[in-house]
Amino acid sequence: MIDKIMAVLKSEGFQPKEDEASVTFKYQMIDYLHIKDEDDQYLNLYIPSIFQVDDDNRMAVMQTMNHINNLHKVVKLVLNDDHVWVCFEEKLPKDTEIDELLTFAIVILEQATRRFYEVLKEA
């Protein structure tokens, strides 16, 4: 699957960087991350560490995350080590063409990230 992901990203004009564990690239000044797992039947794509959580903002952040999670079916915001991550994970049937799905994932993650900031600002 990693070859497909790299090919789609390059064909869309991104400049992905690959290492042993992941693929990273930027879109709209946002860092994206795909974690490699050859045994996984899911397409994963993340925007890591979009916001740091502390005791002062934890409740507002959790309420905002919940709001965004209720708006989007395939995007979920989660806490990893007191940082908010925006996540896309979709099960792929064998031999699925991922072109449109990967493009959709990139856009929906960016939209959810922007909406998170907008809602949090109003909290």
C-alpha atoms as a PDB file:
ATOM      1  CA  MET A   1       0.000   0.000   0.000  1.00  0.00           C
ATOM      2  CA  ILE A   2       2.846   2.382   0.692  1.00  0.00           C
ATOM      3  CA  ASP A   3       3.797   2.463  -3.000  1.00  0.00           C
ATOM      4  CA  LYS A   4       0.229   3.478  -3.877  1.00  0.00           C
ATOM      5  CA  ILE A   5       0.215   6.196  -1.241  1.00  0.00           C
ATOM      6  CA  MET A   6       3.532   7.617  -2.420  1.00  0.00           C
ATOM      7  CA  ALA A   7       2.381   7.548  -6.061  1.00  0.00           C
ATOM      8  CA  VAL A   8      -0.902   9.327  -5.287  1.00  0.00           C
ATOM      9  CA  LEU A   9       0.804  11.994  -3.184  1.00  0.00           C
ATOM     10  CA  LYS A  10       3.411  12.668  -5.874  1.00  0.00           C
ATOM     11  CA  SER A  11       0.770  12.770  -8.622  1.00  0.00           C
ATOM     12  CA  GLU A  12      -1.156  15.370  -6.585  1.00  0.00           C
ATOM     13  CA  GLY A  13       1.963  17.539  -6.354  1.00  0.00           C
ATOM     14  CA  PHE A  14       2.946  16.792  -2.762  1.00  0.00           C
ATOM     15  CA  GLN A  15       6.534  16.157  -1.765  1.00  0.00           C
ATOM     16  CA  PRO A  16       6.224  13.195   0.597  1.00  0.00           C
ATOM     17  CA  LYS A  17       9.142  12.079   2.724  1.00  0.00           C
ATOM     18  CA  GLU A  18       9.419   8.421   3.617  1.00  0.00           C
ATOM     19  CA  ASP A  19      11.353   6.727   6.390  1.00  0.00           C
ATOM     20  CA  GLU A  20      11.183   3.251   7.943  1.00  0.00           C
ATOM     21  CA  ALA A  21       8.081   3.994  10.012  1.00  0.00           C
ATOM     22  CA  SER A  22       6.118   6.680   8.209  1.00  0.00           C
ATOM     23  CA  VAL A  23       5.374   9.024   5.339  1.00  0.00           C
ATOM     24  CA  THR A  24       5.089  12.751   5.987  1.00  0.00           C
ATOM     25  CA  PHE A  25       4.077  15.687   3.808  1.00  0.00           C
ATOM     26  CA  LYS A  26       2.633  19.191   4.069  1.00  0.00           C
ATOM     27  CA  TYR A  27      -0.651  20.607   2.794  1.00  0.00           C
ATOM     28  CA  GLN A  28      -1.882  24.136   3.561  1.00  0.00           C
ATOM     29  CA  MET A  29       1.074  24.573   5.960  1.00  0.00           C
ATOM     30  CA  ILE A  30      -0.118  21.547   7.970  1.00  0.00           C
ATOM     31  CA  ASP A  31       2.028  18.466   8.622  1.00  0.00           C
ATOM     32  CA  TYR A  32       0.431  15.136   7.708  1.00  0.00           C
ATOM     33  CA  LEU A  33       1.554  11.696   8.840  1.00  0.00           C
ATOM     34  CA  HIS A  34       0.884   8.191   7.531  1.00  0.00           C
ATOM     35  CA  ILE A  35       2.141   5.443   9.840  1.00  0.00           C
ATOM     36  CA  LYS A  36       3.350   2.392   7.947  1.00  0.00           C
ATOM     37  CA  ASP A  37       1.924  -1.003   8.839  1.00  0.00           C
ATOM     38  CA  GLU A  38       2.037  -3.542   6.046  1.00  0.00           C
ATOM     39  CA  ASP A  39      -0.239  -5.911   7.976  1.00  0.00           C
ATOM     40  CA  ASP A  40      -2.914  -3.269   8.472  1.00  0.00           C
ATOM     41  CA  GLN A  41      -5.951  -3.234   6.194  1.00  0.00           C
ATOM     42  CA  TYR A  42      -6.686   0.412   7.033  1.00  0.00           C
ATOM     43  CA  LEU A  43      -5.651   3.610   5.353  1.00  0.00           C
ATOM     44  CA  ASN A  44      -4.472   5.886   8.139  1.00  0.00           C
ATOM     45  CA  LEU A  45      -3.636   9.538   7.920  1.00  0.00           C
ATOM     46  CA  TYR A  46      -3.055  11.924  10.807  1.00  0.00           C
ATOM     47  CA  ILE A  47      -2.404  15.543  11.578  1.00  0.00           C
ATOM     48  CA  PRO A  48      -0.371  15.148  14.752  1.00  0.00           C
ATOM     49  CA  SER A  49      -0.036  17.509  17.675  1.00  0.00           C
ATOM     50  CA  ILE A  50      -2.282  20.345  16.535  1.00  0.00           C
ATOM     51  CA  PHE A  51      -2.797  21.648  20.068  1.00  0.00           C
ATOM     52  CA  GLN A  52      -1.209  21.104  23.463  1.00  0.00           C
ATOM     53  CA  VAL A  53      -3.519  20.344  26.366  1.00  0.00           C
ATOM     54  CA  ASP A  54      -2.867  21.404  29.936  1.00  0.00           C
ATOM     55  CA  ASP A  55      -4.911  21.630  33.126  1.00  0.00           C
ATOM     56  CA  ASP A  56      -6.137  25.121  32.258  1.00  0.00           C
ATOM     57  CA  ASN A  57      -7.588  24.250  28.839  1.00  0.00           C
ATOM     58  CA  ARG A  58      -8.366  20.527  29.184  1.00  0.00           C
ATOM     59  CA  MET A  59     -12.153  20.866  29.602  1.00  0.00           C
ATOM     60  CA  ALA A  60     -12.562  23.310  26.698  1.00  0.00           C
ATOM     61  CA  VAL A  61     -10.361  21.156  24.471  1.00  0.00           C
ATOM     62  CA  MET A  62     -12.243  17.961  25.347  1.00  0.00           C
ATOM     63  CA  GLN A  63     -15.601  19.628  24.653  1.00  0.00           C
ATOM     64  CA  THR A  64     -14.295  20.969  21.348  1.00  0.00           C
ATOM     65  CA  MET A  65     -12.922  17.560  20.364  1.00  0.00           C
ATOM     66  CA  ASN A  66     -16.265  15.971  21.164  1.00  0.00           C
ATOM     67  CA  HIS A  67     -18.070  18.591  19.071  1.00  0.00           C
ATOM     68  CA  ILE A  68     -15.823  17.944  16.061  1.00  0.00           C
ATOM     69  CA  ASN A  69     -16.091  14.159  16.488  1.00  0.00           C
ATOM     70  CA  ASN A  70     -19.877  14.461  16.378  1.00  0.00           C
ATOM     71  CA  LEU A  71     -19.715  16.486  13.155  1.00  0.00           C
ATOM     72  CA  HIS A  72     -17.485  14.136  11.170  1.00  0.00           C
ATOM     73  CA  LYS A  73     -17.997  10.413  10.718  1.00  0.00           C
ATOM     74  CA  VAL A  74     -14.547   9.452   9.458  1.00  0.00           C
ATOM     75  CA  VAL A  75     -12.440  11.993  11.341  1.00  0.00           C
ATOM     76  CA  LYS A  76     -11.732  11.643  15.027  1.00  0.00           C
ATOM     77  CA  LEU A  77      -9.800  13.911  17.339  1.00  0.00           C
ATOM     78  CA  VAL A  78      -7.882  12.137  20.089  1.00  0.00           C
ATOM     79  CA  LEU A  79      -5.401  12.982  22.818  1.00  0.00           C
ATOM     80  CA  ASN A  80      -1.883  11.552  22.548  1.00  0.00           C
ATOM     81  CA  ASP A  81       0.455  12.593  25.360  1.00  0.00           C
ATOM     82  CA  ASP A  82      -1.512  15.800  26.002  1.00  0.00           C
ATOM     83  CA  HIS A  83      -1.564  16.761  22.330  1.00  0.00           C
ATOM     84  CA  VAL A  84      -4.629  16.767  20.097  1.00  0.00           C
ATOM     85  CA  TRP A  85      -4.294  14.642  16.964  1.00  0.00           C
ATOM     86  CA  VAL A  86      -6.729  14.641  14.047  1.00  0.00           C
ATOM     87  CA  CYS A  87      -7.143  11.106  12.706  1.00  0.00           C
ATOM     88  CA  PHE A  88      -8.539   9.422   9.613  1.00  0.00           C
ATOM     89  CA  GLU A  89      -8.707   5.627   9.495  1.00  0.00           C
ATOM     90  CA  GLU A  90     -10.692   3.717   6.881  1.00  0.00           C
ATOM     91  CA  LYS A  91     -10.809  -0.036   6.317  1.00  0.00           C
ATOM     92  CA  LEU A  92      -9.809  -0.925   2.778  1.00  0.00           C
ATOM     93  CA  PRO A  93     -11.068  -3.944   0.913  1.00  0.00           C
ATOM     94  CA  LYS A  94      -8.250  -5.792  -0.836  1.00  0.00           C
ATOM     95  CA  ASP A  95      -7.009  -4.127  -4.047  1.00  0.00           C
ATOM     96  CA  THR A  96      -8.868  -0.880  -3.351  1.00  0.00           C
ATOM     97  CA  GLU A  97      -7.857   2.099  -5.449  1.00  0.00           C
ATOM     98  CA  ILE A  98      -6.989   4.734  -2.892  1.00  0.00           C
ATOM     99  CA  ASP A  99      -6.614   7.815  -5.116  1.00  0.00           C
ATOM    100  CA  GLU A 100      -9.931   9.485  -4.293  1.00  0.00           C
ATOM    101  CA  LEU A 101      -9.988   8.222  -0.710  1.00  0.00           C
ATOM    102  CA  LEU A 102      -6.546   9.631   0.072  1.00  0.00           C
ATOM    103  CA  THR A 103      -7.433  12.997  -1.477  1.00  0.00           C
ATOM    104  CA  PHE A 104     -10.673  13.046   0.534  1.00  0.00           C
ATOM    105  CA  ALA A 105      -8.766  12.188   3.727  1.00  0.00           C
ATOM    106  CA  ILE A 106      -6.344  15.076   3.216  1.00  0.00           C
ATOM    107  CA  VAL A 107      -9.135  17.594   2.702  1.00  0.00           C
ATOM    108  CA  ILE A 108     -11.411  16.376   5.502  1.00  0.00           C
ATOM    109  CA  LEU A 109      -8.531  16.339   7.999  1.00  0.00           C
ATOM    110  CA  GLU A 110      -7.652  19.919   7.090  1.00  0.00           C
ATOM    111  CA  GLN A 111     -11.300  20.987   7.446  1.00  0.00           C
ATOM    112  CA  ALA A 112     -11.640  19.293  10.845  1.00  0.00           C
ATOM    113  CA  THR A 113      -8.433  20.935  12.043  1.00  0.00           C
ATOM    114  CA  ARG A 114      -9.604  24.395  11.037  1.00  0.00           C
ATOM    115  CA  ARG A 115     -13.014  23.791  12.587  1.00  0.00           C
ATOM    116  CA  PHE A 116     -11.337  22.660  15.831  1.00  0.00           C
ATOM    117  CA  TYR A 117      -9.512  25.995  16.088  1.00  0.00           C
ATOM    118  CA  GLU A 118     -12.684  27.949  15.267  1.00  0.00           C
ATOM    119  CA  VAL A 119     -14.811  26.145  17.857  1.00  0.00           C
ATOM    120  CA  LEU A 120     -12.105  26.266  20.528  1.00  0.00           C
ATOM    121  CA  LYS A 121     -11.708  30.011  19.993  1.00  0.00           C
ATOM    122  CA  GLU A 122     -15.418  30.453  20.771  1.00  0.00           C
ATOM    123  CA  ALA A 123     -15.285  28.220  23.883  1.00  0.00           C
END
